[in-house]
Amino acid sequence: MSLTHRFPDGFQWGTATSAYQIEGAVDADGRGASIWDTFCRAPGRVLGGDTGDVACDHYHRLEGDLDLMSRLGIQTYRFSVAWPRVIPKGRGPVSEAGLDFYRRLVDGLLERGIAPLVTLFHWDLPQALDDEGGWLSRDTVDAYVDYAALVAEALGDRVPSFTTFNEPWCSAFLGYASGDHAPGHTDAGEAFRVAHHLNLAHARAVSALRCVLPSSAAISLTLNVHQVYPASDDPADRRATEHVDLISNRIFLDPALGHGYPDALVDTTRTITDWSFVEAGDIGALHAPIDGLGINYYTSALIADPASPAGRQAHLAWPGTTKAVSLAPDGELTGIGWRITPGALTDLLRRIAADAPTMPLTIHENGAAYDVAVIDGLVDDTVRIRYLDAHLRALHDAITAGVDVRGYMLWSFLDNFEWAWGYSQRFGIVHVDFDTLARTPKASADWYAGVIAANGL
């Protein structure tokens, strides 16, 4: 095979999952309830009334899943630790059985030559903490820092990389503004309070992790930075796009990079929140140096002012604001209905590199949902291969342009519980029969194994 796109030596190829989406075993070994257990049981919240009770049953099928990763040549595996599996009530007594599961997972990865990348929080807040206010309460920040340090002490001697939060925008704005995610609140003002507490928790956890991890450990934050474009040249649409960038991207990027909150962010949201939750000393406490940023990318968005000609077309509300909408996706779409725009990934990475030229980046999630059936033991998901190929070429374009990207984690290893979509959306390169839980590698799995082996396309 002749390579046209070779990736840098040492580039890390991996795949990613999250605990609630694959583990199942929600009552095993003393695991406590999470906000997603509760959310799934609220009528109408999750498509089909699906829950993560069983999911892929990864908790009981660990060895087989690790063997499958090994056969595909996966170099890095990004997984999340379920906070309620480790500390059932969020604070207080620790479940050694829960910690032992992650010890076995890490040991199993290392035995197979796969590097573990631990996500400390992927949305499954212990329900006991939500009962006390959840991320609306500053006490949850303290509980999270203690939890992060505990996991680092248990796994840090064998895990080279930790990321503090996965997509805090989703936790804040889908969980508290739009209500699409747990805990299902619909108050935009709450979303900004939660975003601030997540930023504080990230920075304080980084400092706590530095105290317990080896000096060689890499600590990151994983953000779904939105690549947004104005729907037209109308100045109102351009202002709306800048507004979305502030409330969805810079609200997390700027504090993580040591810049605090932009004045424009505070000014443009005064009608939503008075920012009284920012206490004395908070701004200085929002920054703790990290070793890299994880970037999650799936699609882009066209943004408009609701009153502009473009904004009066078919559109979707943007969570957390009434000042901007996104146009309904059109053109070529994935199975979940997301616009396919690989070039936007190049734009996004170049934008982040311009903001943080010395910050190493890693793609922590990228992939597409397509429902392709198993026929005679095979899953021909050529449509997924086309999506992945185009996005890897766009990633290569960014690297060629000088962006320091160190690795790529494909989402996802397994078909899984896809949050409010339940089991209706399949992102995996391995098909899961949710009746029998049988695993069948898709054509995309073999294709990706070839990309890894060649370190290129």
Protein backbone atom coordinates (compact mmCIF):
# COMPACT_ATOMS: atom_id res chain seq x y z
CA MET A 1 0.00 0.00 0.00
CA SER A 2 1.29 3.45 -0.93
CA LEU A 3 0.64 6.02 1.80
CA THR A 4 -0.47 9.51 0.80
CA HIS A 5 -1.01 10.71 4.37
CA ARG A 6 1.60 9.55 6.85
CA PHE A 7 1.19 10.66 10.46
CA PRO A 8 4.11 11.74 12.67
CA ASP A 9 6.25 9.09 14.31
CA GLY A 10 4.87 8.28 17.75
CA PHE A 11 1.36 9.39 16.84
CA GLN A 12 -1.04 7.55 19.17
CA TRP A 13 -4.00 5.69 17.68
CA GLY A 14 -6.77 4.72 20.03
CA THR A 15 -10.44 4.40 20.73
CA ALA A 16 -12.75 5.70 23.43
CA THR A 17 -15.78 4.79 25.54
CA SER A 18 -17.45 5.99 28.72
CA ALA A 19 -18.50 4.07 31.81
CA TYR A 20 -22.27 4.57 31.80
CA GLN A 21 -22.50 3.88 28.09
CA ILE A 22 -20.87 0.43 28.17
CA GLU A 23 -20.39 -0.98 31.67
CA GLY A 24 -23.92 -1.96 32.71
CA ALA A 25 -23.88 -3.77 36.08
CA VAL A 26 -25.52 -0.76 37.73
CA ASP A 27 -26.23 -2.70 40.93
CA ALA A 28 -23.03 -4.74 41.05
CA ASP A 29 -20.57 -4.65 43.95
CA GLY A 30 -22.19 -1.75 45.76
CA ARG A 31 -22.25 0.77 42.92
CA GLY A 32 -24.37 3.79 43.80
CA ALA A 33 -26.95 5.39 41.55
CA SER A 34 -25.95 8.16 39.15
CA ILE A 35 -28.01 11.01 37.74
CA TRP A 36 -28.26 9.04 34.51
CA ASP A 37 -29.86 6.09 36.29
CA THR A 38 -32.49 8.52 37.56
CA PHE A 39 -32.86 10.41 34.27
CA CYS A 40 -33.42 7.21 32.30
CA ARG A 41 -36.35 6.30 34.54
CA ALA A 42 -38.14 9.60 34.02
CA PRO A 43 -40.84 9.09 31.36
CA GLY A 44 -40.03 10.61 27.99
CA ARG A 45 -36.44 11.49 28.77
CA VAL A 46 -34.70 8.72 26.81
CA LEU A 47 -35.82 7.35 23.47
CA GLY A 48 -37.64 4.08 23.87
CA GLY A 49 -37.34 4.21 27.65
CA ASP A 50 -33.84 2.73 27.32
CA THR A 51 -31.44 2.65 30.27
CA GLY A 52 -27.78 1.87 30.86
CA ASP A 53 -28.64 -0.95 33.26
CA VAL A 54 -26.99 -3.55 31.02
CA ALA A 55 -25.56 -1.50 28.14
CA CYS A 56 -22.73 -3.64 26.67
CA ASP A 57 -22.18 -5.50 29.96
CA HIS A 58 -18.52 -4.53 29.69
CA TYR A 59 -18.22 -4.90 33.47
CA HIS A 60 -18.63 -8.67 33.10
CA ARG A 61 -17.04 -9.01 29.64
CA LEU A 62 -13.87 -7.06 30.27
CA GLU A 63 -11.31 -9.66 29.19
CA GLY A 64 -13.00 -10.41 25.89
CA ASP A 65 -13.30 -6.72 25.05
CA LEU A 66 -9.63 -6.14 25.85
CA ASP A 67 -8.64 -9.09 23.67
CA LEU A 68 -10.63 -7.58 20.81
CA MET A 69 -8.87 -4.23 21.24
CA SER A 70 -5.55 -6.00 21.16
CA ARG A 71 -6.42 -7.83 17.93
CA LEU A 72 -7.25 -4.48 16.31
CA GLY A 73 -3.88 -3.04 17.30
CA ILE A 74 -5.35 -0.29 19.51
CA GLN A 75 -2.47 1.65 21.09
CA THR A 76 -4.38 3.83 23.58
CA TYR A 77 -7.75 3.25 25.21
CA ARG A 78 -9.62 6.21 26.66
CA PHE A 79 -12.21 5.13 29.23
CA SER A 80 -13.99 6.84 32.08
CA VAL A 81 -14.23 5.90 35.73
CA ALA A 82 -17.77 5.84 37.13
CA TRP A 83 -17.70 8.03 40.23
CA PRO A 84 -20.67 6.19 41.85
CA ARG A 85 -18.95 2.84 41.30
CA VAL A 86 -15.92 4.05 43.26
CA ILE A 87 -17.63 6.25 45.88
CA PRO A 88 -21.31 5.20 45.86
CA LYS A 89 -22.60 8.33 47.60
CA GLY A 90 -20.13 10.70 45.94
CA ARG A 91 -18.32 11.30 49.20
CA GLY A 92 -17.63 9.08 52.17
CA PRO A 93 -17.07 5.30 52.07
CA VAL A 94 -15.08 3.96 49.13
CA SER A 95 -16.00 0.78 47.26
CA GLU A 96 -12.84 -1.32 46.95
CA ALA A 97 -14.74 -3.66 44.62
CA GLY A 98 -15.38 -0.71 42.33
CA LEU A 99 -11.74 0.37 42.40
CA ASP A 100 -10.68 -3.21 41.76
CA PHE A 101 -12.62 -3.26 38.50
CA TYR A 102 -10.59 -0.32 37.21
CA ARG A 103 -7.38 -1.84 38.54
CA ARG A 104 -8.17 -4.98 36.52
CA LEU A 105 -8.98 -2.86 33.50
CA VAL A 106 -5.69 -0.96 33.70
CA ASP A 107 -3.67 -4.10 34.31
CA GLY A 108 -5.40 -5.84 31.41
CA LEU A 109 -4.59 -2.96 29.08
CA LEU A 110 -0.95 -2.87 30.11
CA GLU A 111 -0.60 -6.63 29.71
CA ARG A 112 -1.72 -6.19 26.10
CA GLY A 113 0.54 -3.22 25.40
CA ILE A 114 -2.31 -0.69 25.36
CA ALA A 115 -1.83 2.65 27.13
CA PRO A 116 -4.70 3.65 29.48
CA LEU A 117 -6.11 7.18 29.27
CA VAL A 118 -8.47 7.82 32.19
CA THR A 119 -11.37 10.26 32.02
CA LEU A 120 -12.32 11.14 35.58
CA PHE A 121 -15.79 12.50 34.85
CA HIS A 122 -18.01 11.62 31.90
CA TRP A 123 -21.36 12.96 33.12
CA ASP A 124 -22.41 10.25 35.64
CA LEU A 125 -22.60 12.34 38.80
CA PRO A 126 -23.59 10.31 41.89
CA GLN A 127 -27.30 10.82 42.53
CA ALA A 128 -26.64 11.38 46.23
CA LEU A 129 -24.67 14.52 45.34
CA ASP A 130 -27.37 15.73 42.98
CA ASP A 131 -29.83 15.36 45.84
CA GLU A 132 -27.68 17.92 47.68
CA GLY A 133 -27.57 20.37 44.76
CA GLY A 134 -25.30 18.66 42.26
CA TRP A 135 -23.07 20.94 40.22
CA LEU A 136 -25.14 23.92 41.37
CA SER A 137 -23.42 23.51 44.74
CA ARG A 138 -19.81 24.45 45.41
CA ASP A 139 -19.68 21.50 47.80
CA THR A 140 -19.70 19.21 44.75
CA VAL A 141 -16.43 20.82 43.67
CA ASP A 142 -14.84 19.67 46.93
CA ALA A 143 -16.29 16.17 46.54
CA TYR A 144 -14.99 15.91 42.97
CA VAL A 145 -11.46 16.95 43.94
CA ASP A 146 -11.39 14.29 46.66
CA TYR A 147 -12.70 11.68 44.22
CA ALA A 148 -10.14 12.63 41.55
CA ALA A 149 -7.27 12.35 44.02
CA LEU A 150 -8.54 8.97 45.22
CA VAL A 151 -8.62 7.53 41.70
CA ALA A 152 -5.21 8.97 40.92
CA GLU A 153 -3.74 7.40 44.05
CA ALA A 154 -5.24 4.02 43.11
CA LEU A 155 -4.25 4.00 39.43
CA GLY A 156 -1.62 6.68 38.97
CA ASP A 157 1.40 4.37 39.24
CA ARG A 158 0.27 2.61 36.04
CA VAL A 159 -1.78 5.20 34.12
CA PRO A 160 0.27 7.72 32.12
CA SER A 161 -2.59 10.10 31.22
CA PHE A 162 -5.63 11.55 32.98
CA THR A 163 -8.26 13.96 31.69
CA THR A 164 -10.38 15.75 34.29
CA PHE A 165 -13.69 16.33 32.51
CA ASN A 166 -15.32 15.22 29.30
CA GLU A 167 -17.25 17.96 27.54
CA PRO A 168 -18.22 20.18 30.48
CA TRP A 169 -20.39 22.16 28.04
CA CYS A 170 -22.72 19.17 27.81
CA SER A 171 -22.90 18.78 31.58
CA ALA A 172 -23.71 22.46 32.01
CA PHE A 173 -25.83 23.43 29.03
CA LEU A 174 -27.52 20.17 28.03
CA GLY A 175 -27.96 19.16 31.67
CA TYR A 176 -29.17 22.48 33.06
CA ALA A 177 -30.31 24.73 30.18
CA SER A 178 -31.94 22.56 27.51
CA GLY A 179 -32.78 19.61 29.78
CA ASP A 180 -31.71 17.09 27.12
CA HIS A 181 -29.25 15.43 29.50
CA ALA A 182 -29.28 14.54 33.18
CA PRO A 183 -30.30 16.02 35.53
CA GLY A 184 -32.78 17.53 33.08
CA HIS A 185 -33.06 21.14 34.30
CA THR A 186 -34.17 23.96 31.98
CA ASP A 187 -32.74 27.13 33.48
CA ALA A 188 -30.07 28.94 31.47
CA GLY A 189 -28.89 30.84 34.51
CA GLU A 190 -28.17 27.56 36.26
CA ALA A 191 -26.07 26.43 33.30
CA PHE A 192 -23.63 29.32 33.78
CA ARG A 193 -23.33 28.62 37.50
CA VAL A 194 -22.61 24.96 36.73
CA ALA A 195 -20.04 25.91 34.08
CA HIS A 196 -18.20 28.00 36.65
CA HIS A 197 -18.21 25.20 39.22
CA LEU A 198 -16.93 22.75 36.60
CA ASN A 199 -14.12 25.14 35.74
CA LEU A 200 -13.22 25.47 39.41
CA ALA A 201 -13.36 21.70 39.88
CA HIS A 202 -11.09 21.13 36.89
CA ALA A 203 -8.42 23.57 38.10
CA ARG A 204 -8.50 22.38 41.69
CA ALA A 205 -8.40 18.74 40.59
CA VAL A 206 -5.34 19.41 38.42
CA SER A 207 -3.52 20.78 41.46
CA ALA A 208 -4.62 17.79 43.56
CA LEU A 209 -3.53 15.34 40.85
CA ARG A 210 -0.09 16.95 40.67
CA CYS A 211 0.35 16.12 44.34
CA VAL A 212 -0.28 12.39 43.94
CA LEU A 213 0.73 11.49 40.38
CA PRO A 214 4.26 10.85 39.12
CA SER A 215 5.87 13.88 37.52
CA SER A 216 5.71 12.10 34.17
CA ALA A 217 1.90 11.90 34.21
CA ALA A 218 0.05 13.98 31.61
CA ILE A 219 -3.10 15.84 32.69
CA SER A 220 -5.59 17.27 30.23
CA LEU A 221 -9.10 18.67 29.86
CA THR A 222 -11.44 17.36 27.14
CA LEU A 223 -13.62 19.93 25.39
CA ASN A 224 -16.13 19.72 22.57
CA VAL A 225 -15.10 23.05 21.10
CA HIS A 226 -17.85 24.01 18.66
CA GLN A 227 -16.75 24.98 15.17
CA VAL A 228 -19.37 27.60 14.35
CA TYR A 229 -19.78 29.72 11.24
CA PRO A 230 -22.19 32.61 10.55
CA ALA A 231 -25.14 31.50 8.45
CA SER A 232 -24.73 34.62 6.30
CA ASP A 233 -22.73 37.83 5.99
CA ASP A 234 -25.47 39.69 7.87
CA PRO A 235 -23.77 41.51 10.80
CA ALA A 236 -26.48 40.18 13.11
CA ASP A 237 -25.55 36.60 12.22
CA ARG A 238 -21.89 37.37 12.79
CA ARG A 239 -22.66 38.79 16.23
CA ALA A 240 -24.75 35.74 17.05
CA THR A 241 -21.85 33.48 16.05
CA GLU A 242 -19.45 35.42 18.28
CA HIS A 243 -21.97 35.09 21.10
CA VAL A 244 -22.16 31.31 20.68
CA ASP A 245 -18.38 31.09 20.62
CA LEU A 246 -18.25 32.96 23.92
CA ILE A 247 -20.91 30.98 25.79
CA SER A 248 -19.98 27.57 24.41
CA ASN A 249 -16.23 27.66 23.78
CA ARG A 250 -14.43 30.52 25.45
CA ILE A 251 -16.31 30.01 28.72
CA PHE A 252 -14.19 26.84 29.13
CA LEU A 253 -11.16 27.50 26.91
CA ASP A 254 -10.15 30.86 28.34
CA PRO A 255 -10.07 29.82 32.02
CA ALA A 256 -8.21 26.62 31.17
CA LEU A 257 -5.62 28.63 29.27
CA GLY A 258 -5.16 31.13 32.11
CA HIS A 259 -7.18 34.04 30.73
CA GLY A 260 -10.19 33.99 33.06
CA TYR A 261 -13.59 34.84 31.63
CA PRO A 262 -13.65 37.26 28.68
CA ASP A 263 -15.31 40.58 29.44
CA ALA A 264 -17.47 40.06 26.34
CA LEU A 265 -18.78 36.80 27.80
CA VAL A 266 -19.93 38.52 30.98
CA ASP A 267 -21.34 41.51 29.11
CA THR A 268 -23.32 39.48 26.58
CA THR A 269 -24.95 37.28 29.22
CA ARG A 270 -26.05 39.90 31.77
CA THR A 271 -29.70 39.26 30.91
CA ILE A 272 -29.20 35.53 31.63
CA THR A 273 -27.13 35.62 34.80
CA ASP A 274 -25.64 38.21 37.13
CA TRP A 275 -22.51 36.08 37.70
CA SER A 276 -22.94 36.45 41.46
CA PHE A 277 -21.73 32.86 41.87
CA VAL A 278 -18.17 34.02 41.09
CA GLU A 279 -16.69 34.59 44.52
CA ALA A 280 -13.61 36.54 45.57
CA GLY A 281 -10.48 34.72 44.46
CA ASP A 282 -12.28 32.48 42.00
CA ILE A 283 -10.83 33.97 38.82
CA GLY A 284 -7.27 33.38 39.94
CA ALA A 285 -8.20 29.84 40.98
CA LEU A 286 -9.62 28.92 37.56
CA HIS A 287 -6.26 28.14 36.01
CA ALA A 288 -3.92 25.26 36.70
CA PRO A 289 -1.38 24.44 33.96
CA ILE A 290 -2.25 21.32 31.97
CA ASP A 291 -0.17 19.19 29.63
CA GLY A 292 -2.62 19.10 26.75
CA LEU A 293 -6.17 19.58 25.51
CA GLY A 294 -8.41 16.79 24.35
CA ILE A 295 -10.66 17.86 21.49
CA ASN A 296 -13.94 16.15 20.59
CA TYR A 297 -15.27 16.87 17.10
CA TYR A 298 -18.22 15.46 15.15
CA THR A 299 -19.84 18.27 13.18
CA SER A 300 -20.05 22.02 12.67
CA ALA A 301 -22.88 24.53 13.00
CA LEU A 302 -24.24 27.51 11.08
CA ILE A 303 -25.35 30.24 13.50
CA ALA A 304 -27.85 33.04 13.00
CA ASP A 305 -29.61 35.76 14.90
CA PRO A 306 -33.18 34.57 15.52
CA ALA A 307 -34.58 37.71 13.85
CA SER A 308 -32.34 37.69 10.77
CA PRO A 309 -33.50 36.28 7.40
CA ALA A 310 -31.32 33.21 7.95
CA GLY A 311 -32.50 32.84 11.54
CA ARG A 312 -36.14 32.78 10.46
CA GLN A 313 -35.48 29.64 8.43
CA ALA A 314 -35.69 26.14 9.90
CA HIS A 315 -33.50 26.27 12.95
CA LEU A 316 -32.65 24.76 16.31
CA ALA A 317 -32.47 26.65 19.60
CA TRP A 318 -28.93 27.04 20.93
CA PRO A 319 -28.76 25.90 24.57
CA GLY A 320 -28.39 28.66 27.13
CA THR A 321 -29.38 31.67 25.06
CA THR A 322 -32.18 33.32 23.10
CA LYS A 323 -29.71 35.43 21.10
CA ALA A 324 -28.65 32.76 18.62
CA VAL A 325 -29.97 29.74 16.78
CA SER A 326 -28.31 27.11 14.60
CA LEU A 327 -29.65 26.26 11.18
CA ALA A 328 -31.13 22.79 10.77
CA PRO A 329 -28.51 20.45 9.27
CA ASP A 330 -28.67 19.91 5.53
CA GLY A 331 -26.54 18.31 2.85
CA GLU A 332 -24.84 14.99 3.58
CA LEU A 333 -25.72 13.83 7.09
CA THR A 334 -24.69 10.98 9.37
CA GLY A 335 -27.24 8.50 10.65
CA ILE A 336 -27.89 10.65 13.69
CA GLY A 337 -28.62 13.63 11.45
CA TRP A 338 -25.39 15.59 11.89
CA ARG A 339 -23.87 17.59 9.04
CA ILE A 340 -20.64 16.06 7.61
CA THR A 341 -17.99 18.80 7.38
CA PRO A 342 -14.47 17.35 7.69
CA GLY A 343 -12.81 20.61 6.66
CA ALA A 344 -14.28 22.24 9.76
CA LEU A 345 -12.04 19.97 11.85
CA THR A 346 -9.00 21.53 10.18
CA ASP A 347 -10.40 25.01 10.86
CA LEU A 348 -11.12 24.12 14.48
CA LEU A 349 -7.66 22.75 15.20
CA ARG A 350 -5.97 25.74 13.56
CA ARG A 351 -8.16 28.08 15.63
CA ILE A 352 -7.22 26.36 18.90
CA ALA A 353 -3.55 26.33 17.92
CA ALA A 354 -3.72 30.06 17.26
CA ASP A 355 -5.18 30.61 20.74
CA ALA A 356 -2.73 28.23 22.44
CA PRO A 357 0.30 27.73 20.15
CA THR A 358 2.30 25.71 22.67
CA MET A 359 -0.52 23.43 23.82
CA PRO A 360 -0.37 19.82 22.55
CA LEU A 361 -3.72 18.58 21.26
CA THR A 362 -5.22 15.10 21.00
CA ILE A 363 -8.47 14.13 19.32
CA HIS A 364 -10.28 12.43 22.18
CA GLU A 365 -13.45 11.72 20.20
CA ASN A 366 -14.40 11.63 16.53
CA GLY A 367 -16.78 9.30 14.76
CA ALA A 368 -20.19 8.85 13.22
CA ALA A 369 -23.42 6.99 13.93
CA TYR A 370 -24.72 4.64 11.23
CA ASP A 371 -27.06 1.71 11.76
CA VAL A 372 -25.73 -1.06 9.50
CA ALA A 373 -27.02 -4.56 10.10
CA VAL A 374 -25.06 -7.76 10.57
CA ILE A 375 -25.52 -9.89 7.42
CA ASP A 376 -23.94 -13.35 7.31
CA GLY A 377 -21.67 -12.38 10.19
CA LEU A 378 -20.40 -9.20 8.49
CA VAL A 379 -21.15 -5.50 8.98
CA ASP A 380 -20.32 -3.49 5.84
CA ASP A 381 -20.26 0.04 7.25
CA THR A 382 -18.52 1.64 4.29
CA VAL A 383 -20.35 4.88 5.07
CA ARG A 384 -18.50 5.08 8.40
CA ILE A 385 -15.18 4.39 6.72
CA ARG A 386 -15.79 7.29 4.33
CA TYR A 387 -16.55 9.60 7.26
CA LEU A 388 -13.46 8.53 9.21
CA ASP A 389 -11.18 8.66 6.17
CA ALA A 390 -12.27 12.20 5.34
CA HIS A 391 -11.78 13.39 8.91
CA LEU A 392 -8.37 11.79 9.27
CA ARG A 393 -7.32 13.55 6.08
CA ALA A 394 -8.61 16.82 7.53
CA LEU A 395 -6.66 16.08 10.73
CA HIS A 396 -3.55 15.45 8.65
CA ASP A 397 -4.07 18.80 6.91
CA ALA A 398 -4.02 20.52 10.32
CA ILE A 399 -0.83 18.71 11.31
CA THR A 400 0.76 19.66 7.99
CA ALA A 401 -0.19 23.28 8.72
CA GLY A 402 1.81 23.07 11.96
CA VAL A 403 -0.81 22.14 14.57
CA ASP A 404 0.69 19.92 17.29
CA VAL A 405 -1.74 16.98 17.38
CA ARG A 406 -0.37 13.95 19.23
CA GLY A 407 -3.09 11.32 18.77
CA TYR A 408 -6.57 10.27 17.66
CA MET A 409 -9.17 8.39 19.73
CA LEU A 410 -11.98 7.03 17.57
CA TRP A 411 -15.49 7.15 19.04
CA SER A 412 -16.44 4.51 19.72
CA PHE A 413 -14.99 1.08 20.30
CA LEU A 414 -18.43 -0.50 20.88
CA ASP A 415 -21.96 0.34 19.92
CA ASN A 416 -23.39 1.56 23.22
CA PHE A 417 -26.05 3.42 25.16
CA GLU A 418 -26.10 6.78 23.42
CA TRP A 419 -27.57 8.97 26.16
CA ALA A 420 -30.96 10.48 25.28
CA TRP A 421 -30.98 8.53 21.99
CA GLY A 422 -30.88 5.25 23.94
CA TYR A 423 -29.75 2.36 21.75
CA SER A 424 -31.01 3.88 18.51
CA GLN A 425 -27.62 5.26 17.41
CA ARG A 426 -24.58 3.10 16.70
CA PHE A 427 -21.19 4.80 16.81
CA GLY A 428 -19.09 1.68 17.35
CA ILE A 429 -16.56 0.02 15.07
CA VAL A 430 -17.67 -3.16 16.85
CA HIS A 431 -21.34 -4.11 16.53
CA VAL A 432 -23.12 -5.12 19.74
CA ASP A 433 -26.28 -7.21 19.58
CA PHE A 434 -28.16 -5.72 22.52
CA ASP A 435 -30.23 -8.88 22.91
CA THR A 436 -27.35 -11.39 23.04
CA LEU A 437 -24.50 -8.90 23.69
CA ALA A 438 -22.46 -10.65 20.97
CA ARG A 439 -19.65 -8.54 19.51
CA THR A 440 -19.03 -8.40 15.74
CA PRO A 441 -16.19 -6.23 14.40
CA LYS A 442 -17.43 -4.08 11.52
CA ALA A 443 -15.62 -3.40 8.27
CA SER A 444 -14.55 -0.10 9.86
CA ALA A 445 -12.72 -2.02 12.59
CA ASP A 446 -10.58 -3.83 10.03
CA TRP A 447 -10.04 -0.59 8.14
CA TYR A 448 -8.97 1.23 11.30
CA ALA A 449 -6.62 -1.61 12.22
CA GLY A 450 -4.95 -1.06 8.85
CA VAL A 451 -4.65 2.69 9.45
CA ILE A 452 -2.99 2.01 12.81
CA ALA A 453 -0.58 -0.56 11.39
CA ALA A 454 0.44 1.81 8.57
CA ASN A 455 0.36 4.98 10.69
CA GLY A 456 -1.42 6.64 7.82
CA LEU A 457 -3.80 6.54 4.88
